[in-house]
Protein backbone atom coordinates (compact mmCIF):
# COMPACT_ATOMS: atom_id res chain seq x y z
CA UNK A 1 -72.97 58.31 127.27
CA UNK A 2 -70.88 61.44 127.77
CA UNK A 3 -71.03 64.59 125.66
CA UNK A 4 -67.59 65.97 126.48
CA UNK A 5 -66.80 66.75 122.82
CA UNK A 6 -69.94 68.86 122.52
CA UNK A 7 -69.32 70.59 125.84
CA UNK A 8 -65.78 71.43 124.73
CA UNK A 9 -67.03 72.88 121.43
CA UNK A 10 -65.40 70.13 119.36
CA UNK A 11 -68.49 68.90 117.48
CA UNK A 12 -68.67 70.77 114.14
CA UNK A 13 -71.85 72.30 112.75
CA UNK A 14 -71.34 70.46 109.43
CA UNK A 15 -70.72 66.71 109.18
CA UNK A 16 -66.95 66.11 109.08
CA UNK A 17 -66.84 63.01 106.88
CA UNK A 18 -67.00 64.69 103.45
CA UNK A 19 -63.89 66.75 104.28
CA UNK A 20 -62.13 63.51 105.27
CA UNK A 21 -62.85 61.94 101.88
CA UNK A 22 -65.84 59.74 102.74
CA UNK A 23 -67.97 59.22 99.63
CA UNK A 24 -71.65 59.55 100.51
CA UNK A 25 -74.22 57.75 98.36
CA UNK A 26 -77.71 58.77 97.23
CA UNK A 27 -77.73 62.39 98.34
CA UNK A 28 -76.00 62.15 101.70
CA UNK A 29 -73.24 64.51 102.77
CA UNK A 30 -73.14 68.15 103.80
CA UNK A 31 -75.67 67.69 106.61
CA UNK A 32 -75.53 70.48 109.17
CA UNK A 33 -77.01 71.54 112.48
CA UNK A 34 -77.42 74.83 114.31
CA UNK A 35 -75.48 76.15 117.28
CA UNK A 36 -78.76 75.97 119.26
CA UNK A 37 -78.90 72.21 118.64
CA UNK A 38 -75.35 71.83 119.97
CA UNK A 39 -76.25 73.92 123.02
CA UNK A 40 -78.92 71.39 124.02
CA UNK A 41 -78.01 69.44 127.17
CA UNK A 42 -79.46 66.40 128.89
CA UNK A 43 -80.36 63.02 127.42
CA UNK A 44 -80.79 64.42 123.89
CA UNK A 45 -77.47 66.28 123.87
CA UNK A 46 -75.31 65.61 120.81
CA UNK A 47 -72.35 63.29 121.45
CA UNK A 48 -70.91 63.20 117.92
CA UNK A 49 -71.61 62.75 114.23
CA UNK A 50 -72.07 59.23 112.83
CA UNK A 51 -72.53 57.81 109.33
CA UNK A 52 -75.50 55.57 108.62
CA UNK A 53 -75.05 53.31 105.59
CA UNK A 54 -77.92 51.38 104.03
CA UNK A 55 -76.63 48.28 102.23
CA UNK A 56 -78.21 45.71 99.97
CA UNK A 57 -79.30 42.71 102.07
CA UNK A 58 -78.23 40.22 99.38
CA UNK A 59 -74.94 41.95 98.63
CA UNK A 60 -73.65 43.89 101.66
CA UNK A 61 -70.79 45.25 99.53
CA UNK A 62 -73.39 47.32 97.64
CA UNK A 63 -74.18 50.55 99.50
CA UNK A 64 -77.67 51.79 98.64
CA UNK A 65 -77.56 55.08 100.57
CA UNK A 66 -75.61 56.86 103.28
CA UNK A 67 -76.01 60.01 105.31
CA UNK A 68 -74.61 61.72 108.35
CA UNK A 69 -76.64 61.67 111.54
CA UNK A 70 -76.20 62.56 115.21
CA UNK A 71 -75.54 60.30 118.17
CA UNK A 72 -77.23 61.53 121.36
CA UNK A 73 -76.30 60.92 125.00
CA UNK A 74 -79.21 58.51 125.45
CA UNK A 75 -77.95 56.40 122.53
CA UNK A 76 -80.43 57.61 119.91
CA UNK A 77 -79.17 58.10 116.37
CA UNK A 78 -81.20 60.97 114.92
CA UNK A 79 -81.38 63.07 111.79
CA UNK A 80 -80.21 66.65 111.59
CA UNK A 81 -83.80 67.87 111.54
CA UNK A 82 -83.68 67.81 115.35
CA UNK A 83 -85.81 65.10 116.91
CA UNK A 84 -86.83 63.02 113.90
CA UNK A 85 -85.55 59.45 114.12
CA UNK A 86 -83.87 57.81 111.17
CA UNK A 87 -86.40 55.33 109.86
CA UNK A 88 -85.41 53.07 106.99
CA UNK A 89 -87.27 50.02 105.71
CA UNK A 90 -84.03 48.52 104.44
CA UNK A 91 -81.96 45.84 106.17
CA UNK A 92 -79.27 45.16 107.08
CA UNK A 93 -78.00 48.54 108.18
CA UNK A 94 -74.39 49.27 109.05
CA UNK A 95 -73.69 52.14 111.44
CA UNK A 96 -70.14 53.49 111.44
CA UNK A 97 -69.01 55.35 114.55
CA UNK A 98 -65.80 57.38 114.67
CA UNK A 99 -62.93 55.33 116.10
CA UNK A 100 -65.28 52.38 116.66
CA UNK A 101 -65.89 49.28 114.55
CA UNK A 102 -68.97 49.18 112.31
CA UNK A 103 -72.11 47.59 113.69
CA UNK A 104 -74.33 45.37 111.54
CA UNK A 105 -77.96 45.34 112.67
CA UNK A 106 -80.42 42.81 111.27
CA UNK A 107 -84.02 43.38 112.42
């Protein structure tokens, strides 16, 4: 995956979704990263922000929690606390990518 947005300085330090009117649930929103994190290159370089939504498995219309995370060049979706992976014991999970359709993952 390419990190052209990061290389061009177009990835903001604070998640952009709140400013666009996205309503986070259960404490999400306002996540931020440092300029040092954006300066990182290679497989773990930031590609863009994403929103991770945790939905009720019996009623997918019910969002249980959401938060902003980072998509890396190697395809990892990680938290803003650098290398920690997002681990949730809730399924299904819907991942929304900017300008891309949502993905439903059922483990």
